[in-house]
Amino acid sequence: MIPVLAIPVLNRYDLLDQNIESIDYPVGEILIINNGKEVYTPKRTDLNIRVLNLPSNLGMSGSWNLTIKLYPHEEYWMFSSADTFWIPGALEKLSSESGKGKLVMTTEGWGAFTIGEDVIREVGLFDEFFYPIYYEDTDYYERVMRSNVKDGYVNGSIEVNVPHGASQTIKSDVNLTNKNNKTFGINQAYFEQKKLQNFKVNGVWNIDRRRENEWLR
C-alpha cells in the first residue's frame, strides 16, 4: 500500500477528477492540497481522500513540504500533478520501487514521483523561495546529486500519462500564463544564484517574495 499520495491543484479540477478516477492501487490517504479559489469536493467516494481547501496558494514547494510535515512518520511520500493520469499498474510498480532511501521518478519526472525519509533527512525539504512554481524540482535534483543519497535517485521507466500535455494550470488561464512569464524568470535567477554557491545555501519562506510572486489575488 502507498502510505500517502499528495496532489496539489490550482485549477482544472476536471483533470484532478480524472487523475483520481485512474487510481487502481491501495493508498492509505490521498491528500488534495487545493491552492485554488474554488472549494473542491471529490467525486470518487471509495477512496480515503482528505481535501485541504486553502485560503491562498502555497506554491509547489510549500505543498510538497506541507505533505511531509503533516505525515512525518511515513517511509516515503508520493506526489502527483493534477493533470497526470495513472496507467493501469503504474502505481503498483512505483510503490514497489520506492523506499526510504529513494527518489523515484516516472516518465513524467517531477509530475509523478516518490521521495523517501532518508532523502529528506539528508537533503532537507524543498526550497520555498522558489514560488509559486518552477525550478524547485531542478534545485532539489542538484542538491540530491551533491549528497550522500545520490545513489538512491531512480530515473524510472514507469509510464504515466499526461494526455492534455503538462502545465495545464497555466495553459488554461491567460492571466496565470502572464504571471508565470514574470515569476519564471525570477525563480530562474535565484536558481543561477544558488548554482554559483554550489547549492550549499537554501532560501526560506519570505513574505516579500511571497507577495511579489503572487498569482492569485
Protein backbone atom coordinates (compact mmCIF):
# COMPACT_ATOMS: atom_id res chain seq x y z
CA MET A 1 0.00 0.00 0.00
CA ILE A 2 1.15 3.54 -0.79
CA PRO A 3 1.29 5.49 2.52
CA VAL A 4 0.13 8.85 1.18
CA LEU A 5 -0.39 10.38 -2.26
CA ALA A 6 -0.48 14.18 -2.36
CA ILE A 7 -1.91 16.09 -5.32
CA PRO A 8 -1.58 19.90 -5.31
CA VAL A 9 -4.11 21.66 -7.55
CA LEU A 10 -4.77 25.28 -8.54
CA ASN A 11 -7.43 24.90 -11.27
CA ARG A 12 -8.62 22.37 -13.87
CA TYR A 13 -10.45 20.30 -11.27
CA ASP A 14 -11.84 18.22 -14.12
CA LEU A 15 -8.35 16.83 -14.71
CA LEU A 16 -7.95 16.19 -10.99
CA ASP A 17 -11.16 14.12 -11.08
CA GLN A 18 -9.70 12.07 -13.93
CA ASN A 19 -6.45 11.61 -12.02
CA ILE A 20 -8.33 10.24 -9.01
CA GLU A 21 -10.53 8.08 -11.21
CA SER A 22 -7.42 6.38 -12.66
CA ILE A 23 -6.09 5.28 -9.24
CA ASP A 24 -6.06 1.48 -9.24
CA TYR A 25 -3.84 0.58 -6.26
CA PRO A 26 -4.38 0.90 -2.49
CA VAL A 27 -3.40 4.26 -0.99
CA GLY A 28 -3.53 4.92 2.76
CA GLU A 29 -4.63 8.51 2.25
CA ILE A 30 -4.94 10.79 -0.75
CA LEU A 31 -4.28 14.40 0.19
CA ILE A 32 -5.66 17.07 -2.15
CA ILE A 33 -3.93 20.38 -1.49
CA ASN A 34 -6.35 22.82 -3.07
CA ASN A 35 -4.45 26.04 -3.72
CA GLY A 36 -7.21 27.46 -5.91
CA LYS A 37 -10.20 29.64 -5.21
CA GLU A 38 -12.90 27.01 -5.75
CA VAL A 39 -13.90 24.62 -3.00
CA TYR A 40 -13.19 21.11 -4.21
CA THR A 41 -15.26 18.04 -3.43
CA PRO A 42 -14.02 14.72 -4.88
CA LYS A 43 -16.44 12.66 -6.92
CA ARG A 44 -14.96 9.29 -6.05
CA THR A 45 -16.15 8.06 -2.66
CA ASP A 46 -14.47 4.66 -2.32
CA LEU A 47 -11.04 6.12 -1.53
CA ASN A 48 -9.72 7.74 1.65
CA ILE A 49 -9.46 11.32 0.38
CA ARG A 50 -8.69 14.34 2.54
CA VAL A 51 -9.13 17.78 0.97
CA LEU A 52 -7.38 20.88 2.26
CA ASN A 53 -9.19 23.87 0.76
CA LEU A 54 -6.58 26.54 1.45
CA PRO A 55 -7.17 30.31 1.71
CA SER A 56 -4.25 31.07 -0.62
CA ASN A 57 -1.73 29.38 -2.87
CA LEU A 58 1.12 27.64 -1.03
CA GLY A 59 3.02 27.04 -4.24
CA MET A 60 4.58 23.75 -5.27
CA SER A 61 7.45 23.63 -2.78
CA GLY A 62 5.16 24.63 0.05
CA SER A 63 2.59 22.00 -0.93
CA TRP A 64 5.19 19.23 -1.07
CA ASN A 65 6.72 20.31 2.22
CA LEU A 66 3.35 20.55 3.93
CA THR A 67 2.60 16.95 2.97
CA ILE A 68 5.82 15.73 4.54
CA LYS A 69 5.17 17.77 7.67
CA LEU A 70 1.60 16.51 8.00
CA TYR A 71 2.66 12.86 7.59
CA PRO A 72 6.09 12.83 9.30
CA HIS A 73 6.14 9.12 10.17
CA GLU A 74 5.90 7.70 6.64
CA GLU A 75 8.78 5.83 4.98
CA TYR A 76 8.14 7.66 1.73
CA TRP A 77 5.68 10.09 0.17
CA MET A 78 4.17 10.04 -3.32
CA PHE A 79 3.34 13.19 -5.27
CA SER A 80 1.45 13.80 -8.47
CA SER A 81 0.42 16.77 -10.55
CA ALA A 82 -3.32 17.11 -11.03
CA ASP A 83 -3.08 16.62 -14.81
CA THR A 84 -1.32 13.24 -14.55
CA PHE A 85 -3.32 10.07 -15.18
CA TRP A 86 -2.23 6.67 -13.91
CA ILE A 87 -1.75 3.94 -16.48
CA PRO A 88 -3.05 0.60 -15.11
CA GLY A 89 -0.38 -1.00 -12.93
CA ALA A 90 1.83 2.13 -12.74
CA LEU A 91 1.03 2.91 -9.11
CA GLU A 92 1.86 -0.62 -8.03
CA LYS A 93 5.18 -0.52 -9.89
CA LEU A 94 6.04 2.89 -8.47
CA SER A 95 5.23 1.69 -4.96
CA SER A 96 7.42 -1.40 -5.38
CA GLU A 97 10.43 0.72 -6.42
CA SER A 98 10.00 3.29 -3.66
CA GLY A 99 11.57 3.32 -0.22
CA LYS A 100 13.13 5.42 2.49
CA GLY A 101 16.40 5.98 0.62
CA LYS A 102 14.90 6.56 -2.82
CA LEU A 103 13.89 9.44 -5.03
CA VAL A 104 11.97 7.70 -7.81
CA MET A 105 10.79 9.42 -10.97
CA THR A 106 8.25 8.31 -13.54
CA THR A 107 8.38 9.06 -17.25
CA GLU A 108 6.89 12.47 -16.35
CA GLY A 109 9.72 13.25 -13.94
CA TRP A 110 8.53 15.51 -11.15
CA GLY A 111 4.98 15.25 -12.48
CA ALA A 112 4.71 11.99 -10.53
CA PHE A 113 7.41 10.83 -8.13
CA THR A 114 8.18 9.45 -4.67
CA ILE A 115 10.70 10.61 -2.10
CA GLY A 116 11.90 8.68 0.94
CA GLU A 117 12.54 9.74 4.52
CA ASP A 118 16.33 9.27 4.28
CA VAL A 119 16.45 11.63 1.31
CA ILE A 120 14.58 14.28 3.29
CA ARG A 121 16.81 13.61 6.30
CA GLU A 122 19.96 14.09 4.21
CA VAL A 123 18.95 16.76 1.69
CA GLY A 124 16.20 18.62 3.56
CA LEU A 125 12.87 19.96 2.39
CA PHE A 126 12.15 21.76 -0.85
CA ASP A 127 13.24 25.38 -1.11
CA GLU A 128 10.14 27.56 -0.69
CA PHE A 129 11.94 30.64 -2.01
CA PHE A 130 11.00 29.21 -5.42
CA TYR A 131 7.42 30.46 -5.65
CA PRO A 132 4.87 29.59 -6.80
CA ILE A 133 6.33 27.02 -9.20
CA TYR A 134 9.32 26.14 -11.42
CA TYR A 135 12.95 25.43 -10.57
CA GLU A 136 12.12 23.94 -7.15
CA ASP A 137 12.46 20.50 -8.75
CA THR A 138 15.67 21.26 -10.66
CA ASP A 139 17.14 22.71 -7.49
CA TYR A 140 16.29 19.62 -5.48
CA TYR A 141 17.80 17.32 -8.10
CA GLU A 142 21.06 19.25 -7.94
CA ARG A 143 21.10 19.03 -4.16
CA VAL A 144 20.48 15.27 -4.27
CA MET A 145 23.32 14.78 -6.75
CA ARG A 146 25.68 16.52 -4.31
CA SER A 147 24.53 14.43 -1.34
CA ASN A 148 25.23 11.03 0.22
CA VAL A 149 21.92 9.67 -1.11
CA LYS A 150 22.54 10.31 -4.80
CA ASP A 151 22.65 6.56 -5.48
CA GLY A 152 19.02 6.40 -4.37
CA TYR A 153 17.94 8.50 -7.35
CA VAL A 154 15.98 6.40 -9.82
CA ASN A 155 15.16 7.99 -13.18
CA GLY A 156 12.39 5.47 -13.63
CA SER A 157 10.79 3.97 -16.67
CA ILE A 158 7.38 3.71 -15.00
CA GLU A 159 4.99 5.18 -17.51
CA VAL A 160 2.24 7.62 -16.59
CA ASN A 161 0.03 9.63 -18.92
CA VAL A 162 -0.42 13.37 -19.38
CA PRO A 163 -2.86 13.28 -22.31
CA HIS A 164 -3.54 17.02 -22.38
CA GLY A 165 0.13 17.97 -22.02
CA ALA A 166 1.97 19.24 -18.96
CA SER A 167 1.45 22.61 -17.23
CA GLN A 168 -2.31 22.72 -17.73
CA THR A 169 -2.57 25.08 -14.75
CA ILE A 170 -1.09 27.97 -16.69
CA LYS A 171 -2.01 26.85 -20.21
CA SER A 172 -5.71 27.05 -19.39
CA ASP A 173 -5.58 30.58 -17.97
CA VAL A 174 -4.11 33.57 -19.84
CA ASN A 175 -3.75 35.55 -16.63
CA LEU A 176 -1.68 32.79 -15.00
CA THR A 177 0.41 32.46 -18.14
CA ASN A 178 1.26 36.15 -17.95
CA LYS A 179 2.04 35.92 -14.24
CA ASN A 180 4.28 32.90 -14.87
CA ASN A 181 6.20 34.80 -17.54
CA LYS A 182 7.37 37.06 -14.72
CA THR A 183 7.86 34.60 -11.86
CA PHE A 184 9.64 32.01 -14.04
CA GLY A 185 12.45 34.46 -14.70
CA ILE A 186 12.66 35.44 -11.04
CA ASN A 187 12.95 31.81 -9.98
CA GLN A 188 15.50 31.12 -12.72
CA ALA A 189 17.69 33.96 -11.47
CA TYR A 190 17.53 32.59 -7.94
CA PHE A 191 18.47 29.13 -9.21
CA GLU A 192 21.51 30.53 -11.01
CA GLN A 193 22.49 32.31 -7.80
CA LYS A 194 22.32 29.03 -5.87
CA LYS A 195 24.31 27.32 -8.61
CA LEU A 196 27.17 29.77 -8.09
CA GLN A 197 27.11 28.81 -4.41
CA ASN A 198 27.21 25.09 -5.27
CA PHE A 199 23.72 24.74 -3.74
CA LYS A 200 25.16 24.98 -0.23
CA VAL A 201 22.65 27.66 0.80
CA ASN A 202 18.87 27.25 0.73
CA GLY A 203 16.34 30.02 0.93
CA VAL A 204 13.43 30.08 3.32
CA TRP A 205 9.87 31.31 3.03
CA ASN A 206 9.91 35.10 2.75
CA ILE A 207 6.88 37.39 2.99
CA ASP A 208 8.15 39.89 0.42
CA ARG A 209 8.96 37.12 -2.05
CA ARG A 210 5.53 35.61 -1.40
CA ARG A 211 3.76 38.88 -2.19
CA GLU A 212 5.90 39.76 -5.18
CA ASN A 213 5.32 36.42 -6.92
CA GLU A 214 1.57 36.17 -6.23
CA TRP A 215 -0.52 34.56 -8.98
CA LEU A 216 -3.97 34.62 -7.40
CA ARG A 217 -5.27 37.66 -5.57
